[in-house]
Amino acid sequence: MKIALLTNEYPPHIYGGAGVHVEYLSRELARLEGGKHDLHIRCFGEQKEHFDNVAVEGVRPDFVFPFQDVHHQKLLDTLFRDILMTGSVKEADIVHCHTWYTILQAA
């Protein structure tokens, strides 16, 4: 089975409870049924790792959106990362969107 986990926080960039939760969730999903499932993690950041059945890829836009109000910058950045993450999931049997940062992809 191919599992995609889309998240804002992922090690080493964890700053709250949601990040701790996704760290443990991803570890257990990777171990599920003796590690026979592929886990693809897309997260905010610059990570690029591959070990055993786990692939981690950080998503970070390489430009700054033009914006009229500074308050819109974070929302636009988040939406664009969501689009990049969604487009990078080639094939998955299960997709887990973790927190509001990535749930917008499922809409």
PDB file of N, CA and C in Angstrom:
ATOM      1  N   MET A   1       0.842  -1.172   0.000  1.00  0.00           N
ATOM      2  CA  MET A   1       0.000   0.000   0.000  1.00  0.00           C
ATOM      3  C   MET A   1       0.887   1.235   0.000  1.00  0.00           C
ATOM      4  N   LYS A   2       0.435   2.276  -0.685  1.00  0.00           N
ATOM      5  CA  LYS A   2       1.153   3.549  -0.721  1.00  0.00           C
ATOM      6  C   LYS A   2       0.383   4.568   0.112  1.00  0.00           C
ATOM      7  N   ILE A   3       1.081   5.136   1.086  1.00  0.00           N
ATOM      8  CA  ILE A   3       0.473   6.090   2.015  1.00  0.00           C
ATOM      9  C   ILE A   3       1.156   7.441   1.836  1.00  0.00           C
ATOM     10  N   ALA A   4       0.370   8.480   1.619  1.00  0.00           N
ATOM     11  CA  ALA A   4       0.892   9.844   1.527  1.00  0.00           C
ATOM     12  C   ALA A   4       0.472  10.596   2.779  1.00  0.00           C
ATOM     13  N   LEU A   5       1.428  11.245   3.405  1.00  0.00           N
ATOM     14  CA  LEU A   5       1.163  12.035   4.605  1.00  0.00           C
ATOM     15  C   LEU A   5       1.564  13.473   4.290  1.00  0.00           C
ATOM     16  N   LEU A   6       0.601  14.377   4.311  1.00  0.00           N
ATOM     17  CA  LEU A   6       0.829  15.776   3.979  1.00  0.00           C
ATOM     18  C   LEU A   6       0.722  16.601   5.258  1.00  0.00           C
ATOM     19  N   THR A   7       1.787  17.324   5.580  1.00  0.00           N
ATOM     20  CA  THR A   7       1.844  17.988   6.876  1.00  0.00           C
ATOM     21  C   THR A   7       2.661  19.273   6.807  1.00  0.00           C
ATOM     22  N   ASN A   8       2.396  20.156   7.726  1.00  0.00           N
ATOM     23  CA  ASN A   8       3.219  21.345   7.883  1.00  0.00           C
ATOM     24  C   ASN A   8       4.493  20.951   8.630  1.00  0.00           C
ATOM     25  N   GLU A   9       4.343  20.447   9.835  1.00  0.00           N
ATOM     26  CA  GLU A   9       5.488  20.130  10.687  1.00  0.00           C
ATOM     27  C   GLU A   9       5.969  18.700  10.475  1.00  0.00           C
ATOM     28  N   TYR A  10       7.268  18.553  10.373  1.00  0.00           N
ATOM     29  CA  TYR A  10       7.895  17.239  10.334  1.00  0.00           C
ATOM     30  C   TYR A  10       9.338  17.426  10.766  1.00  0.00           C
ATOM     31  N   PRO A  11       9.898  16.468  11.487  1.00  0.00           N
ATOM     32  CA  PRO A  11      11.271  16.633  11.980  1.00  0.00           C
ATOM     33  C   PRO A  11      12.241  17.043  10.866  1.00  0.00           C
ATOM     34  N   PRO A  12      13.112  17.954  11.168  1.00  0.00           N
ATOM     35  CA  PRO A  12      13.415  18.529  12.471  1.00  0.00           C
ATOM     36  C   PRO A  12      12.604  19.783  12.790  1.00  0.00           C
ATOM     37  N   HIS A  13      11.633  20.137  11.953  1.00  0.00           N
ATOM     38  CA  HIS A  13      10.862  21.363  12.146  1.00  0.00           C
ATOM     39  C   HIS A  13       9.547  21.082  12.876  1.00  0.00           C
ATOM     40  N   ILE A  14       9.655  20.882  14.175  1.00  0.00           N
ATOM     41  CA  ILE A  14       8.475  20.649  15.012  1.00  0.00           C
ATOM     42  C   ILE A  14       8.426  21.747  16.060  1.00  0.00           C
ATOM     43  N   TYR A  15       7.270  22.394  16.170  1.00  0.00           N
ATOM     44  CA  TYR A  15       7.146  23.470  17.155  1.00  0.00           C
ATOM     45  C   TYR A  15       5.904  23.327  18.021  1.00  0.00           C
ATOM     46  N   GLY A  16       5.148  22.244  17.863  1.00  0.00           N
ATOM     47  CA  GLY A  16       3.944  22.084  18.676  1.00  0.00           C
ATOM     48  C   GLY A  16       3.449  20.654  18.694  1.00  0.00           C
ATOM     49  N   GLY A  17       2.290  20.476  19.310  1.00  0.00           N
ATOM     50  CA  GLY A  17       1.711  19.151  19.476  1.00  0.00           C
ATOM     51  C   GLY A  17       1.379  18.451  18.175  1.00  0.00           C
ATOM     52  N   ALA A  18       0.951  19.205  17.163  1.00  0.00           N
ATOM     53  CA  ALA A  18       0.631  18.587  15.871  1.00  0.00           C
ATOM     54  C   ALA A  18       1.874  17.957  15.260  1.00  0.00           C
ATOM     55  N   GLY A  19       3.000  18.619  15.396  1.00  0.00           N
ATOM     56  CA  GLY A  19       4.261  18.074  14.877  1.00  0.00           C
ATOM     57  C   GLY A  19       4.692  16.819  15.600  1.00  0.00           C
ATOM     58  N   VAL A  20       4.523  16.806  16.906  1.00  0.00           N
ATOM     59  CA  VAL A  20       4.849  15.610  17.685  1.00  0.00           C
ATOM     60  C   VAL A  20       3.934  14.469  17.258  1.00  0.00           C
ATOM     61  N   HIS A  21       2.659  14.770  17.085  1.00  0.00           N
ATOM     62  CA  HIS A  21       1.695  13.748  16.672  1.00  0.00           C
ATOM     63  C   HIS A  21       2.088  13.143  15.322  1.00  0.00           C
ATOM     64  N   VAL A  22       2.402  13.986  14.339  1.00  0.00           N
ATOM     65  CA  VAL A  22       2.728  13.474  13.008  1.00  0.00           C
ATOM     66  C   VAL A  22       4.052  12.717  13.016  1.00  0.00           C
ATOM     67  N   GLU A  23       4.973  13.095  13.875  1.00  0.00           N
ATOM     68  CA  GLU A  23       6.235  12.348  14.000  1.00  0.00           C
ATOM     69  C   GLU A  23       5.956  10.909  14.435  1.00  0.00           C
ATOM     70  N   TYR A  24       5.134  10.747  15.458  1.00  0.00           N
ATOM     71  CA  TYR A  24       4.816   9.404  15.955  1.00  0.00           C
ATOM     72  C   TYR A  24       3.907   8.647  14.985  1.00  0.00           C
ATOM     73  N   LEU A  25       2.955   9.342  14.373  1.00  0.00           N
ATOM     74  CA  LEU A  25       2.069   8.700  13.406  1.00  0.00           C
ATOM     75  C   LEU A  25       2.870   8.154  12.230  1.00  0.00           C
ATOM     76  N   SER A  26       3.775   8.946  11.703  1.00  0.00           N
ATOM     77  CA  SER A  26       4.562   8.500  10.553  1.00  0.00           C
ATOM     78  C   SER A  26       5.459   7.321  10.929  1.00  0.00           C
ATOM     79  N   ARG A  27       6.007   7.342  12.125  1.00  0.00           N
ATOM     80  CA  ARG A  27       6.854   6.223  12.565  1.00  0.00           C
ATOM     81  C   ARG A  27       6.052   4.934  12.634  1.00  0.00           C
ATOM     82  N   GLU A  28       4.844   5.006  13.177  1.00  0.00           N
ATOM     83  CA  GLU A  28       4.011   3.805  13.294  1.00  0.00           C
ATOM     84  C   GLU A  28       3.492   3.335  11.938  1.00  0.00           C
ATOM     85  N   LEU A  29       3.143   4.265  11.056  1.00  0.00           N
ATOM     86  CA  LEU A  29       2.713   3.877   9.716  1.00  0.00           C
ATOM     87  C   LEU A  29       3.843   3.177   8.969  1.00  0.00           C
ATOM     88  N   ALA A  30       5.071   3.652   9.148  1.00  0.00           N
ATOM     89  CA  ALA A  30       6.224   3.025   8.491  1.00  0.00           C
ATOM     90  C   ALA A  30       6.461   1.606   9.003  1.00  0.00           C
ATOM     91  N   ARG A  31       6.153   1.357  10.254  1.00  0.00           N
ATOM     92  CA  ARG A  31       6.343   0.026  10.857  1.00  0.00           C
ATOM     93  C   ARG A  31       5.190  -0.928  10.583  1.00  0.00           C
ATOM     94  N   LEU A  32       4.063  -0.401  10.159  1.00  0.00           N
ATOM     95  CA  LEU A  32       2.846  -1.185   9.972  1.00  0.00           C
ATOM     96  C   LEU A  32       3.108  -2.421   9.117  1.00  0.00           C
ATOM     97  N   GLU A  33       2.660  -3.555   9.606  1.00  0.00           N
ATOM     98  CA  GLU A  33       2.799  -4.834   8.912  1.00  0.00           C
ATOM     99  C   GLU A  33       4.238  -5.102   8.485  1.00  0.00           C
ATOM    100  N   GLY A  34       5.154  -4.853   9.384  1.00  0.00           N
ATOM    101  CA  GLY A  34       6.560  -5.150   9.127  1.00  0.00           C
ATOM    102  C   GLY A  34       7.227  -4.237   8.120  1.00  0.00           C
ATOM    103  N   GLY A  35       6.669  -3.064   7.909  1.00  0.00           N
ATOM    104  CA  GLY A  35       7.279  -2.093   7.002  1.00  0.00           C
ATOM    105  C   GLY A  35       7.040  -2.380   5.532  1.00  0.00           C
ATOM    106  N   LYS A  36       5.979  -3.116   5.221  1.00  0.00           N
ATOM    107  CA  LYS A  36       5.751  -3.469   3.816  1.00  0.00           C
ATOM    108  C   LYS A  36       5.061  -2.372   2.997  1.00  0.00           C
ATOM    109  N   HIS A  37       4.630  -1.305   3.642  1.00  0.00           N
ATOM    110  CA  HIS A  37       3.951  -0.212   2.938  1.00  0.00           C
ATOM    111  C   HIS A  37       4.919   0.942   2.697  1.00  0.00           C
ATOM    112  N   ASP A  38       4.725   1.645   1.586  1.00  0.00           N
ATOM    113  CA  ASP A  38       5.544   2.816   1.274  1.00  0.00           C
ATOM    114  C   ASP A  38       4.882   4.058   1.845  1.00  0.00           C
ATOM    115  N   LEU A  39       5.653   4.850   2.584  1.00  0.00           N
ATOM    116  CA  LEU A  39       5.164   6.076   3.195  1.00  0.00           C
ATOM    117  C   LEU A  39       5.871   7.257   2.548  1.00  0.00           C
ATOM    118  N   HIS A  40       5.090   8.140   1.933  1.00  0.00           N
ATOM    119  CA  HIS A  40       5.627   9.337   1.290  1.00  0.00           C
ATOM    120  C   HIS A  40       5.139  10.542   2.076  1.00  0.00           C
ATOM    121  N   ILE A  41       6.068  11.271   2.670  1.00  0.00           N
ATOM    122  CA  ILE A  41       5.739  12.419   3.502  1.00  0.00           C
ATOM    123  C   ILE A  41       6.113  13.689   2.755  1.00  0.00           C
ATOM    124  N   ARG A  42       5.140  14.585   2.616  1.00  0.00           N
ATOM    125  CA  ARG A  42       5.374  15.899   2.035  1.00  0.00           C
ATOM    126  C   ARG A  42       5.115  16.902   3.146  1.00  0.00           C
ATOM    127  N   CYS A  43       6.058  17.811   3.352  1.00  0.00           N
ATOM    128  CA  CYS A  43       5.949  18.737   4.481  1.00  0.00           C
ATOM    129  C   CYS A  43       6.486  20.103   4.091  1.00  0.00           C
ATOM    130  N   PHE A  44       6.191  21.091   4.922  1.00  0.00           N
ATOM    131  CA  PHE A  44       6.739  22.427   4.737  1.00  0.00           C
ATOM    132  C   PHE A  44       8.208  22.355   5.154  1.00  0.00           C
ATOM    133  N   GLY A  45       9.098  22.816   4.334  1.00  0.00           N
ATOM    134  CA  GLY A  45      10.510  22.796   4.689  1.00  0.00           C
ATOM    135  C   GLY A  45      11.377  22.415   3.516  1.00  0.00           C
ATOM    136  N   GLU A  46      12.608  22.017   3.830  1.00  0.00           N
ATOM    137  CA  GLU A  46      13.588  21.686   2.798  1.00  0.00           C
ATOM    138  C   GLU A  46      14.122  20.269   2.933  1.00  0.00           C
ATOM    139  N   GLN A  47      13.463  19.451   3.744  1.00  0.00           N
ATOM    140  CA  GLN A  47      13.943  18.098   3.945  1.00  0.00           C
ATOM    141  C   GLN A  47      13.918  17.299   2.641  1.00  0.00           C
ATOM    142  N   LYS A  48      14.843  16.398   2.501  1.00  0.00           N
ATOM    143  CA  LYS A  48      14.846  15.449   1.384  1.00  0.00           C
ATOM    144  C   LYS A  48      15.596  14.221   1.878  1.00  0.00           C
ATOM    145  N   GLU A  49      14.832  13.235   2.306  1.00  0.00           N
ATOM    146  CA  GLU A  49      15.412  12.032   2.894  1.00  0.00           C
ATOM    147  C   GLU A  49      14.709  10.801   2.342  1.00  0.00           C
ATOM    148  N   HIS A  50      15.427   9.705   2.317  1.00  0.00           N
ATOM    149  CA  HIS A  50      14.821   8.430   1.944  1.00  0.00           C
ATOM    150  C   HIS A  50      15.504   7.349   2.777  1.00  0.00           C
ATOM    151  N   PHE A  51      14.719   6.624   3.530  1.00  0.00           N
ATOM    152  CA  PHE A  51      15.253   5.525   4.324  1.00  0.00           C
ATOM    153  C   PHE A  51      14.219   4.431   4.389  1.00  0.00           C
ATOM    154  N   ASP A  52      14.675   3.209   4.158  1.00  0.00           N
ATOM    155  CA  ASP A  52      13.799   2.041   4.127  1.00  0.00           C
ATOM    156  C   ASP A  52      12.566   2.320   3.261  1.00  0.00           C
ATOM    157  N   ASN A  53      11.386   2.283   3.851  1.00  0.00           N
ATOM    158  CA  ASN A  53      10.141   2.474   3.099  1.00  0.00           C
ATOM    159  C   ASN A  53       9.557   3.880   3.262  1.00  0.00           C
ATOM    160  N   VAL A  54      10.374   4.833   3.713  1.00  0.00           N
ATOM    161  CA  VAL A  54       9.905   6.194   3.971  1.00  0.00           C
ATOM    162  C   VAL A  54      10.671   7.196   3.101  1.00  0.00           C
ATOM    163  N   ALA A  55       9.919   8.034   2.397  1.00  0.00           N
ATOM    164  CA  ALA A  55      10.498   9.127   1.620  1.00  0.00           C
ATOM    165  C   ALA A  55       9.925  10.435   2.163  1.00  0.00           C
ATOM    166  N   VAL A  56      10.801  11.378   2.490  1.00  0.00           N
ATOM    167  CA  VAL A  56      10.391  12.678   3.040  1.00  0.00           C
ATOM    168  C   VAL A  56      10.846  13.759   2.069  1.00  0.00           C
ATOM    169  N   GLU A  57       9.923  14.623   1.699  1.00  0.00           N
ATOM    170  CA  GLU A  57      10.282  15.715   0.807  1.00  0.00           C
ATOM    171  C   GLU A  57       9.629  17.001   1.285  1.00  0.00           C
ATOM    172  N   GLY A  58      10.468  17.965   1.617  1.00  0.00           N
ATOM    173  CA  GLY A  58       9.977  19.278   2.007  1.00  0.00           C
ATOM    174  C   GLY A  58       9.549  20.069   0.791  1.00  0.00           C
ATOM    175  N   VAL A  59       8.556  20.909   0.981  1.00  0.00           N
ATOM    176  CA  VAL A  59       8.021  21.731  -0.100  1.00  0.00           C
ATOM    177  C   VAL A  59       8.193  23.186   0.293  1.00  0.00           C
ATOM    178  N   ARG A  60       8.850  23.917  -0.580  1.00  0.00           N
ATOM    179  CA  ARG A  60       9.070  25.336  -0.298  1.00  0.00           C
ATOM    180  C   ARG A  60       9.070  26.098  -1.611  1.00  0.00           C
ATOM    181  N   PRO A  61       8.182  27.069  -1.753  1.00  0.00           N
ATOM    182  CA  PRO A  61       8.164  27.844  -2.994  1.00  0.00           C
ATOM    183  C   PRO A  61       9.475  28.609  -3.162  1.00  0.00           C
ATOM    184  N   ASP A  62       9.901  28.787  -4.383  1.00  0.00           N
ATOM    185  CA  ASP A  62      11.147  29.501  -4.622  1.00  0.00           C
ATOM    186  C   ASP A  62      10.920  30.965  -5.012  1.00  0.00           C
ATOM    187  N   PHE A  63       9.752  31.476  -4.654  1.00  0.00           N
ATOM    188  CA  PHE A  63       9.459  32.885  -4.894  1.00  0.00           C
ATOM    189  C   PHE A  63       8.489  33.383  -3.833  1.00  0.00           C
ATOM    190  N   VAL A  64       8.327  34.695  -3.760  1.00  0.00           N
ATOM    191  CA  VAL A  64       7.399  35.313  -2.816  1.00  0.00           C
ATOM    192  C   VAL A  64       6.212  35.841  -3.614  1.00  0.00           C
ATOM    193  N   PHE A  65       5.012  35.479  -3.165  1.00  0.00           N
ATOM    194  CA  PHE A  65       3.807  35.967  -3.816  1.00  0.00           C
ATOM    195  C   PHE A  65       3.694  37.471  -3.661  1.00  0.00           C
ATOM    196  N   PRO A  66       3.219  38.156  -4.688  1.00  0.00           N
ATOM    197  CA  PRO A  66       2.903  39.567  -4.509  1.00  0.00           C
ATOM    198  C   PRO A  66       1.640  39.677  -3.657  1.00  0.00           C
ATOM    199  N   PHE A  67       1.628  40.598  -2.746  1.00  0.00           N
ATOM    200  CA  PHE A  67       0.462  40.746  -1.873  1.00  0.00           C
ATOM    201  C   PHE A  67       0.268  42.216  -1.519  1.00  0.00           C
ATOM    202  N   GLN A  68      -0.993  42.582  -1.314  1.00  0.00           N
ATOM    203  CA  GLN A  68      -1.337  43.955  -0.978  1.00  0.00           C
ATOM    204  C   GLN A  68      -1.259  44.207   0.527  1.00  0.00           C
ATOM    205  N   ASP A  69      -1.547  43.161   1.299  1.00  0.00           N
ATOM    206  CA  ASP A  69      -1.592  43.276   2.755  1.00  0.00           C
ATOM    207  C   ASP A  69      -0.679  42.204   3.338  1.00  0.00           C
ATOM    208  N   VAL A  70       0.197  42.578   4.214  1.00  0.00           N
ATOM    209  CA  VAL A  70       1.159  41.636   4.795  1.00  0.00           C
ATOM    210  C   VAL A  70       0.471  40.447   5.468  1.00  0.00           C
ATOM    211  N   HIS A  71      -0.761  40.633   5.926  1.00  0.00           N
ATOM    212  CA  HIS A  71      -1.509  39.555   6.566  1.00  0.00           C
ATOM    213  C   HIS A  71      -1.855  38.435   5.594  1.00  0.00           C
ATOM    214  N   HIS A  72      -1.847  38.727   4.309  1.00  0.00           N
ATOM    215  CA  HIS A  72      -2.197  37.720   3.299  1.00  0.00           C
ATOM    216  C   HIS A  72      -1.009  36.829   2.920  1.00  0.00           C
ATOM    217  N   GLN A  73       0.198  37.258   3.251  1.00  0.00           N
ATOM    218  CA  GLN A  73       1.395  36.545   2.830  1.00  0.00           C
ATOM    219  C   GLN A  73       1.420  35.093   3.313  1.00  0.00           C
ATOM    220  N   LYS A  74       1.122  34.863   4.583  1.00  0.00           N
ATOM    221  CA  LYS A  74       1.161  33.496   5.114  1.00  0.00           C
ATOM    222  C   LYS A  74       0.103  32.611   4.457  1.00  0.00           C
ATOM    223  N   LEU A  75      -1.081  33.151   4.255  1.00  0.00           N
ATOM    224  CA  LEU A  75      -2.134  32.373   3.610  1.00  0.00           C
ATOM    225  C   LEU A  75      -1.732  31.999   2.189  1.00  0.00           C
ATOM    226  N   LEU A  76      -1.227  32.938   1.418  1.00  0.00           N
ATOM    227  CA  LEU A  76      -0.815  32.653   0.045  1.00  0.00           C
ATOM    228  C   LEU A  76       0.321  31.629   0.007  1.00  0.00           C
ATOM    229  N   ASP A  77       1.284  31.761   0.912  1.00  0.00           N
ATOM    230  CA  ASP A  77       2.389  30.802   0.988  1.00  0.00           C
ATOM    231  C   ASP A  77       1.858  29.407   1.287  1.00  0.00           C
ATOM    232  N   THR A  78       0.937  29.308   2.235  1.00  0.00           N
ATOM    233  CA  THR A  78       0.349  28.017   2.607  1.00  0.00           C
ATOM    234  C   THR A  78      -0.424  27.409   1.446  1.00  0.00           C
ATOM    235  N   LEU A  79      -1.236  28.199   0.779  1.00  0.00           N
ATOM    236  CA  LEU A  79      -2.020  27.697  -0.348  1.00  0.00           C
ATOM    237  C   LEU A  79      -1.119  27.184  -1.472  1.00  0.00           C
ATOM    238  N   PHE A  80      -0.038  27.907  -1.754  1.00  0.00           N
ATOM    239  CA  PHE A  80       0.854  27.464  -2.813  1.00  0.00           C
ATOM    240  C   PHE A  80       1.573  26.174  -2.421  1.00  0.00           C
ATOM    241  N   ARG A  81       2.006  26.073  -1.171  1.00  0.00           N
ATOM    242  CA  ARG A  81       2.633  24.820  -0.717  1.00  0.00           C
ATOM    243  C   ARG A  81       1.640  23.664  -0.837  1.00  0.00           C
ATOM    244  N   ASP A  82       0.376  23.928  -0.505  1.00  0.00           N
ATOM    245  CA  ASP A  82      -0.666  22.904  -0.652  1.00  0.00           C
ATOM    246  C   ASP A  82      -0.755  22.421  -2.102  1.00  0.00           C
ATOM    247  N   ILE A  83      -0.735  23.355  -3.020  1.00  0.00           N
ATOM    248  CA  ILE A  83      -0.813  22.999  -4.443  1.00  0.00           C
ATOM    249  C   ILE A  83       0.407  22.182  -4.850  1.00  0.00           C
ATOM    250  N   LEU A  84       1.587  22.597  -4.416  1.00  0.00           N
ATOM    251  CA  LEU A  84       2.805  21.851  -4.736  1.00  0.00           C
ATOM    252  C   LEU A  84       2.767  20.439  -4.153  1.00  0.00           C
ATOM    253  N   MET A  85       2.310  20.314  -2.913  1.00  0.00           N
ATOM    254  CA  MET A  85       2.226  18.989  -2.282  1.00  0.00           C
ATOM    255  C   MET A  85       1.241  18.101  -3.024  1.00  0.00           C
ATOM    256  N   THR A  86       0.069  18.644  -3.321  1.00  0.00           N
ATOM    257  CA  THR A  86      -0.958  17.868  -4.016  1.00  0.00           C
ATOM    258  C   THR A  86      -0.432  17.370  -5.358  1.00  0.00           C
ATOM    259  N   GLY A  87       0.235  18.241  -6.083  1.00  0.00           N
ATOM    260  CA  GLY A  87       0.776  17.855  -7.379  1.00  0.00           C
ATOM    261  C   GLY A  87       1.905  16.848  -7.305  1.00  0.00           C
ATOM    262  N   SER A  88       2.559  16.753  -6.155  1.00  0.00           N
ATOM    263  CA  SER A  88       3.689  15.830  -6.035  1.00  0.00           C
ATOM    264  C   SER A  88       3.269  14.422  -5.627  1.00  0.00           C
ATOM    265  N   VAL A  89       2.022  14.230  -5.238  1.00  0.00           N
ATOM    266  CA  VAL A  89       1.538  12.892  -4.882  1.00  0.00           C
ATOM    267  C   VAL A  89       1.119  12.193  -6.167  1.00  0.00           C
ATOM    268  N   LYS A  90       1.979  11.305  -6.631  1.00  0.00           N
ATOM    269  CA  LYS A  90       1.725  10.636  -7.901  1.00  0.00           C
ATOM    270  C   LYS A  90       0.715   9.514  -7.768  1.00  0.00           C
ATOM    271  N   GLU A  91       0.820   8.786  -6.689  1.00  0.00           N
ATOM    272  CA  GLU A  91      -0.028   7.614  -6.506  1.00  0.00           C
ATOM    273  C   GLU A  91      -0.126   7.329  -5.013  1.00  0.00           C
ATOM    274  N   ALA A  92      -1.339   7.142  -4.517  1.00  0.00           N
ATOM    275  CA  ALA A  92      -1.517   6.834  -3.097  1.00  0.00           C
ATOM    276  C   ALA A  92      -2.830   6.096  -2.888  1.00  0.00           C
ATOM    277  N   ASP A  93      -2.779   5.112  -2.002  1.00  0.00           N
ATOM    278  CA  ASP A  93      -3.988   4.404  -1.596  1.00  0.00           C
ATOM    279  C   ASP A  93      -4.669   5.141  -0.453  1.00  0.00           C
ATOM    280  N   ILE A  94      -3.859   5.755   0.404  1.00  0.00           N
ATOM    281  CA  ILE A  94      -4.361   6.525   1.544  1.00  0.00           C
ATOM    282  C   ILE A  94      -3.628   7.860   1.565  1.00  0.00           C
ATOM    283  N   VAL A  95      -4.390   8.948   1.740  1.00  0.00           N
ATOM    284  CA  VAL A  95      -3.798  10.276   1.892  1.00  0.00           C
ATOM    285  C   VAL A  95      -4.258  10.829   3.227  1.00  0.00           C
ATOM    286  N   HIS A  96      -3.295  11.208   4.061  1.00  0.00           N
ATOM    287  CA  HIS A  96      -3.604  11.804   5.359  1.00  0.00           C
ATOM    288  C   HIS A  96      -3.151  13.259   5.323  1.00  0.00           C
ATOM    289  N   CYS A  97      -4.100  14.184   5.444  1.00  0.00           N
ATOM    290  CA  CYS A  97      -3.799  15.612   5.514  1.00  0.00           C
ATOM    291  C   CYS A  97      -3.806  16.000   6.983  1.00  0.00           C
ATOM    292  N   HIS A  98      -2.699  16.536   7.456  1.00  0.00           N
ATOM    293  CA  HIS A  98      -2.550  16.806   8.873  1.00  0.00           C
ATOM    294  C   HIS A  98      -2.614  18.302   9.159  1.00  0.00           C
ATOM    295  N   THR A  99      -3.605  18.744   9.885  1.00  0.00           N
ATOM    296  CA  THR A  99      -3.895  20.120  10.309  1.00  0.00           C
ATOM    297  C   THR A  99      -4.414  20.982   9.155  1.00  0.00           C
ATOM    298  N   TRP A 100      -4.864  22.178   9.476  1.00  0.00           N
ATOM    299  CA  TRP A 100      -5.481  23.057   8.486  1.00  0.00           C
ATOM    300  C   TRP A 100      -4.523  23.430   7.378  1.00  0.00           C
ATOM    301  N   TYR A 101      -3.221  23.384   7.639  1.00  0.00           N
ATOM    302  CA  TYR A 101      -2.255  23.786   6.636  1.00  0.00           C
ATOM    303  C   TYR A 101      -2.359  22.918   5.370  1.00  0.00           C
ATOM    304  N   THR A 102      -2.721  21.664   5.546  1.00  0.00           N
ATOM    305  CA  THR A 102      -2.765  20.778   4.388  1.00  0.00           C
ATOM    306  C   THR A 102      -4.159  20.275   4.050  1.00  0.00           C
ATOM    307  N   ILE A 103      -5.118  20.447   4.926  1.00  0.00           N
ATOM    308  CA  ILE A 103      -6.461  19.945   4.651  1.00  0.00           C
ATOM    309  C   ILE A 103      -7.104  20.673   3.470  1.00  0.00           C
ATOM    310  N   LEU A 104      -6.633  21.860   3.172  1.00  0.00           N
ATOM    311  CA  LEU A 104      -7.156  22.603   2.032  1.00  0.00           C
ATOM    312  C   LEU A 104      -6.940  21.842   0.722  1.00  0.00           C
ATOM    313  N   GLN A 105      -5.995  20.917   0.710  1.00  0.00           N
ATOM    314  CA  GLN A 105      -5.710  20.130  -0.484  1.00  0.00           C
ATOM    315  C   GLN A 105      -6.818  19.144  -0.779  1.00  0.00           C
ATOM    316  N   ALA A 106      -7.518  18.705   0.241  1.00  0.00           N
ATOM    317  CA  ALA A 106      -8.549  17.679   0.074  1.00  0.00           C
ATOM    318  C   ALA A 106      -9.864  18.262  -0.432  1.00  0.00           C
ATOM    319  N   ALA A 107     -10.006  19.564  -0.363  1.00  0.00           N
ATOM    320  CA  ALA A 107     -11.270  20.193  -0.754  1.00  0.00           C
ATOM    321  C   ALA A 107     -11.506  20.120  -2.240  1.00  0.00           C
TER     322      ALA A 107
END
